Amino acid sequence: MAWVSTHGGAGASTLARLLGGADLGRRWPDPARGEPSQVLLVARTHQAGMQAVSQALHALRNGEQPAGVHLMAVVLVADAPGKLPRPLGRRVRVLRSAAEVHRVPWVPAWRLGAEVDQLPKSVRVLARRVSAPLAHAGRS
């Protein structure tokens, strides 16, 4: 699978390091060149991140990616500790109507490049999802 950042600083590099897969930065994979066809779009939960992931989903819907690329899920990485402001929560609900969405909570240790003893539950769920991409068809 390929982690595709929808904007700089989305968190795809950290997720790829923790869960495996190819970190492709902000570009689509090219399955014709042997790159993974299954994509996880990654964005932060701030306004710019939500807008960027919406644009990426729109591009997918319009076929603007290389042939053979398939969306596994959208992964939203918390941009701050605590609950999302209501307008951003509404954006998450809209995204869930268009794609499978996984939320990654704020992990203070990751800001410092440190490891955690145990991954948060939502990240463990995501790890199971990405380890068996064809076994899951529903939304999380």
C-alpha atoms as a PDB file:
ATOM      1  CA  MET A   1       0.000   0.000   0.000  1.00  0.00           C
ATOM      2  CA  ALA A   2       1.010   3.614  -0.474  1.00  0.00           C
ATOM      3  CA  TRP A   3       0.631   6.493   1.948  1.00  0.00           C
ATOM      4  CA  VAL A   4      -0.129   9.699   0.043  1.00  0.00           C
ATOM      5  CA  SER A   5       0.034  13.021   1.871  1.00  0.00           C
ATOM      6  CA  THR A   6      -2.609  15.481   0.786  1.00  0.00           C
ATOM      7  CA  HIS A   7      -0.475  18.352   2.118  1.00  0.00           C
ATOM      8  CA  GLY A   8       2.898  18.870   3.763  1.00  0.00           C
ATOM      9  CA  GLY A   9       3.189  17.655   7.343  1.00  0.00           C
ATOM     10  CA  ALA A  10       0.188  15.330   7.111  1.00  0.00           C
ATOM     11  CA  GLY A  11       1.861  12.516   9.047  1.00  0.00           C
ATOM     12  CA  ALA A  12       2.223   9.932   6.273  1.00  0.00           C
ATOM     13  CA  SER A  13       5.940   9.399   6.954  1.00  0.00           C
ATOM     14  CA  THR A  14       5.259   8.545  10.591  1.00  0.00           C
ATOM     15  CA  LEU A  15       2.425   6.183   9.674  1.00  0.00           C
ATOM     16  CA  ALA A  16       4.510   4.443   7.005  1.00  0.00           C
ATOM     17  CA  ARG A  17       7.350   3.997   9.495  1.00  0.00           C
ATOM     18  CA  LEU A  18       5.001   2.572  12.125  1.00  0.00           C
ATOM     19  CA  LEU A  19       2.700   0.470   9.941  1.00  0.00           C
ATOM     20  CA  GLY A  20       4.693  -0.263   6.795  1.00  0.00           C
ATOM     21  CA  GLY A  21       3.976   0.605   3.206  1.00  0.00           C
ATOM     22  CA  ALA A  22       5.442   3.138   0.831  1.00  0.00           C
ATOM     23  CA  ASP A  23       5.521   6.825   1.744  1.00  0.00           C
ATOM     24  CA  LEU A  24       5.042   8.571  -1.594  1.00  0.00           C
ATOM     25  CA  GLY A  25       4.879  12.109  -0.335  1.00  0.00           C
ATOM     26  CA  ARG A  26       2.312  14.136  -2.253  1.00  0.00           C
ATOM     27  CA  ARG A  27       2.260  12.130  -5.486  1.00  0.00           C
ATOM     28  CA  TRP A  28       0.029   9.325  -6.701  1.00  0.00           C
ATOM     29  CA  PRO A  29       1.625   5.903  -7.095  1.00  0.00           C
ATOM     30  CA  ASP A  30       2.107   4.497 -10.574  1.00  0.00           C
ATOM     31  CA  PRO A  31       1.093   0.817 -10.527  1.00  0.00           C
ATOM     32  CA  ALA A  32       2.360   0.440 -14.118  1.00  0.00           C
ATOM     33  CA  ARG A  33       5.862   1.031 -12.706  1.00  0.00           C
ATOM     34  CA  GLY A  34       5.380  -1.544  -9.952  1.00  0.00           C
ATOM     35  CA  GLU A  35       4.296   0.887  -7.230  1.00  0.00           C
ATOM     36  CA  PRO A  36       1.463  -0.086  -4.859  1.00  0.00           C
ATOM     37  CA  SER A  37      -2.040   0.381  -6.223  1.00  0.00           C
ATOM     38  CA  GLN A  38      -3.781   0.629  -2.835  1.00  0.00           C
ATOM     39  CA  VAL A  39      -3.693   4.195  -1.456  1.00  0.00           C
ATOM     40  CA  LEU A  40      -4.247   5.685   1.975  1.00  0.00           C
ATOM     41  CA  LEU A  41      -4.783   9.455   1.769  1.00  0.00           C
ATOM     42  CA  VAL A  42      -3.395  11.236   4.834  1.00  0.00           C
ATOM     43  CA  ALA A  43      -4.341  14.688   6.145  1.00  0.00           C
ATOM     44  CA  ARG A  44      -4.268  16.650   9.396  1.00  0.00           C
ATOM     45  CA  THR A  45      -7.568  17.595  10.971  1.00  0.00           C
ATOM     46  CA  HIS A  46      -7.133  21.346  10.552  1.00  0.00           C
ATOM     47  CA  GLN A  47      -9.113  23.308   7.961  1.00  0.00           C
ATOM     48  CA  ALA A  48      -6.359  23.251   5.327  1.00  0.00           C
ATOM     49  CA  GLY A  49      -5.894  19.499   5.787  1.00  0.00           C
ATOM     50  CA  MET A  50      -9.605  18.807   5.441  1.00  0.00           C
ATOM     51  CA  GLN A  51      -9.733  20.911   2.292  1.00  0.00           C
ATOM     52  CA  ALA A  52      -6.676  19.141   0.852  1.00  0.00           C
ATOM     53  CA  VAL A  53      -8.105  15.658   1.430  1.00  0.00           C
ATOM     54  CA  SER A  54     -11.430  16.745  -0.090  1.00  0.00           C
ATOM     55  CA  GLN A  55      -9.562  17.917  -3.195  1.00  0.00           C
ATOM     56  CA  ALA A  56      -7.689  14.605  -3.399  1.00  0.00           C
ATOM     57  CA  LEU A  57     -10.965  12.670  -3.167  1.00  0.00           C
ATOM     58  CA  HIS A  58     -12.398  14.878  -5.901  1.00  0.00           C
ATOM     59  CA  ALA A  59      -9.357  14.102  -8.075  1.00  0.00           C
ATOM     60  CA  LEU A  60      -9.898  10.377  -7.501  1.00  0.00           C
ATOM     61  CA  ARG A  61     -13.573  10.662  -8.360  1.00  0.00           C
ATOM     62  CA  ASN A  62     -12.624  12.455 -11.608  1.00  0.00           C
ATOM     63  CA  GLY A  63     -10.018   9.847 -12.554  1.00  0.00           C
ATOM     64  CA  GLU A  64      -7.047  12.208 -12.241  1.00  0.00           C
ATOM     65  CA  GLN A  65      -4.795   9.485 -10.776  1.00  0.00           C
ATOM     66  CA  PRO A  66      -2.796   6.872 -12.714  1.00  0.00           C
ATOM     67  CA  ALA A  67      -4.737   3.830 -13.914  1.00  0.00           C
ATOM     68  CA  GLY A  68      -5.061   1.094 -11.325  1.00  0.00           C
ATOM     69  CA  VAL A  69      -4.901   3.308  -8.224  1.00  0.00           C
ATOM     70  CA  HIS A  70      -7.565   2.421  -5.629  1.00  0.00           C
ATOM     71  CA  LEU A  71      -8.423   4.229  -2.418  1.00  0.00           C
ATOM     72  CA  MET A  72      -8.238   2.074   0.712  1.00  0.00           C
ATOM     73  CA  ALA A  73      -9.098   4.806   3.197  1.00  0.00           C
ATOM     74  CA  VAL A  74      -8.631   8.360   4.335  1.00  0.00           C
ATOM     75  CA  VAL A  75      -6.499   8.747   7.456  1.00  0.00           C
ATOM     76  CA  LEU A  76      -7.016  11.909   9.491  1.00  0.00           C
ATOM     77  CA  VAL A  77      -4.205  12.716  11.915  1.00  0.00           C
ATOM     78  CA  ALA A  78      -5.078  15.021  14.816  1.00  0.00           C
ATOM     79  CA  ASP A  79      -3.482  18.443  14.462  1.00  0.00           C
ATOM     80  CA  ALA A  80      -3.886  19.217  18.182  1.00  0.00           C
ATOM     81  CA  PRO A  81      -4.971  17.485  21.385  1.00  0.00           C
ATOM     82  CA  GLY A  82      -8.632  17.459  22.300  1.00  0.00           C
ATOM     83  CA  LYS A  83     -11.940  17.403  20.514  1.00  0.00           C
ATOM     84  CA  LEU A  84     -12.362  18.832  17.028  1.00  0.00           C
ATOM     85  CA  PRO A  85     -14.233  22.110  16.672  1.00  0.00           C
ATOM     86  CA  ARG A  86     -17.781  21.536  15.396  1.00  0.00           C
ATOM     87  CA  PRO A  87     -17.145  22.745  11.806  1.00  0.00           C
ATOM     88  CA  LEU A  88     -14.247  20.313  11.427  1.00  0.00           C
ATOM     89  CA  GLY A  89     -16.304  17.491  12.934  1.00  0.00           C
ATOM     90  CA  ARG A  90     -18.914  18.152  10.259  1.00  0.00           C
ATOM     91  CA  ARG A  91     -16.189  17.881   7.593  1.00  0.00           C
ATOM     92  CA  VAL A  92     -15.210  14.468   8.985  1.00  0.00           C
ATOM     93  CA  ARG A  93     -18.823  13.306   8.676  1.00  0.00           C
ATOM     94  CA  VAL A  94     -18.917  14.484   5.052  1.00  0.00           C
ATOM     95  CA  LEU A  95     -15.666  12.640   4.326  1.00  0.00           C
ATOM     96  CA  ARG A  96     -17.117   9.477   5.902  1.00  0.00           C
ATOM     97  CA  SER A  97     -19.985   9.654   3.427  1.00  0.00           C
ATOM     98  CA  ALA A  98     -17.440   9.476   0.584  1.00  0.00           C
ATOM     99  CA  ALA A  99     -14.756   7.111   1.924  1.00  0.00           C
ATOM    100  CA  GLU A 100     -13.652   4.890   4.763  1.00  0.00           C
ATOM    101  CA  VAL A 101     -12.107   7.225   7.351  1.00  0.00           C
ATOM    102  CA  HIS A 102      -9.687   6.409  10.163  1.00  0.00           C
ATOM    103  CA  ARG A 103      -8.776   8.942  12.851  1.00  0.00           C
ATOM    104  CA  VAL A 104      -5.354   9.030  14.482  1.00  0.00           C
ATOM    105  CA  PRO A 105      -5.280  10.862  17.825  1.00  0.00           C
ATOM    106  CA  TRP A 106      -2.750  13.412  19.017  1.00  0.00           C
ATOM    107  CA  VAL A 107       0.356  11.575  20.256  1.00  0.00           C
ATOM    108  CA  PRO A 108       2.721  14.027  22.009  1.00  0.00           C
ATOM    109  CA  ALA A 109       5.722  11.671  21.768  1.00  0.00           C
ATOM    110  CA  TRP A 110       5.560  11.722  17.954  1.00  0.00           C
ATOM    111  CA  ARG A 111       6.223  15.483  17.941  1.00  0.00           C
ATOM    112  CA  LEU A 112       9.623  14.688  19.418  1.00  0.00           C
ATOM    113  CA  GLY A 113      10.272  11.723  17.134  1.00  0.00           C
ATOM    114  CA  ALA A 114       9.915   9.367  20.081  1.00  0.00           C
ATOM    115  CA  GLU A 115       8.247   5.975  20.128  1.00  0.00           C
ATOM    116  CA  VAL A 116       5.318   5.035  22.343  1.00  0.00           C
ATOM    117  CA  ASP A 117       5.061   1.839  24.380  1.00  0.00           C
ATOM    118  CA  GLN A 118       1.682   1.009  22.909  1.00  0.00           C
ATOM    119  CA  LEU A 119       0.035   2.490  19.831  1.00  0.00           C
ATOM    120  CA  PRO A 120      -3.347   4.134  20.420  1.00  0.00           C
ATOM    121  CA  LYS A 121      -6.315   1.822  19.823  1.00  0.00           C
ATOM    122  CA  SER A 122      -7.374   3.629  16.631  1.00  0.00           C
ATOM    123  CA  VAL A 123      -3.863   3.151  15.197  1.00  0.00           C
ATOM    124  CA  ARG A 124      -3.940  -0.559  16.071  1.00  0.00           C
ATOM    125  CA  VAL A 125      -7.296  -0.809  14.241  1.00  0.00           C
ATOM    126  CA  LEU A 126      -5.753   0.973  11.256  1.00  0.00           C
ATOM    127  CA  ALA A 127      -2.777  -1.414  11.387  1.00  0.00           C
ATOM    128  CA  ARG A 128      -5.136  -4.394  11.132  1.00  0.00           C
ATOM    129  CA  ARG A 129      -6.936  -2.695   8.240  1.00  0.00           C
ATOM    130  CA  VAL A 130      -3.789  -2.059   6.235  1.00  0.00           C
ATOM    131  CA  SER A 131      -2.403  -5.525   6.905  1.00  0.00           C
ATOM    132  CA  ALA A 132      -5.484  -7.087   5.254  1.00  0.00           C
ATOM    133  CA  PRO A 133      -6.631  -4.525   2.663  1.00  0.00           C
ATOM    134  CA  LEU A 134      -8.872  -6.873   0.690  1.00  0.00           C
ATOM    135  CA  ALA A 135     -10.573  -8.418   3.710  1.00  0.00           C
ATOM    136  CA  HIS A 136     -12.413  -5.234   4.693  1.00  0.00           C
ATOM    137  CA  ALA A 137     -15.082  -3.624   2.608  1.00  0.00           C
ATOM    138  CA  GLY A 138     -16.977  -1.639   5.275  1.00  0.00           C
ATOM    139  CA  ARG A 139     -16.328   1.744   6.810  1.00  0.00           C
ATOM    140  CA  SER A 140     -14.662   2.286  10.189  1.00  0.00           C
END
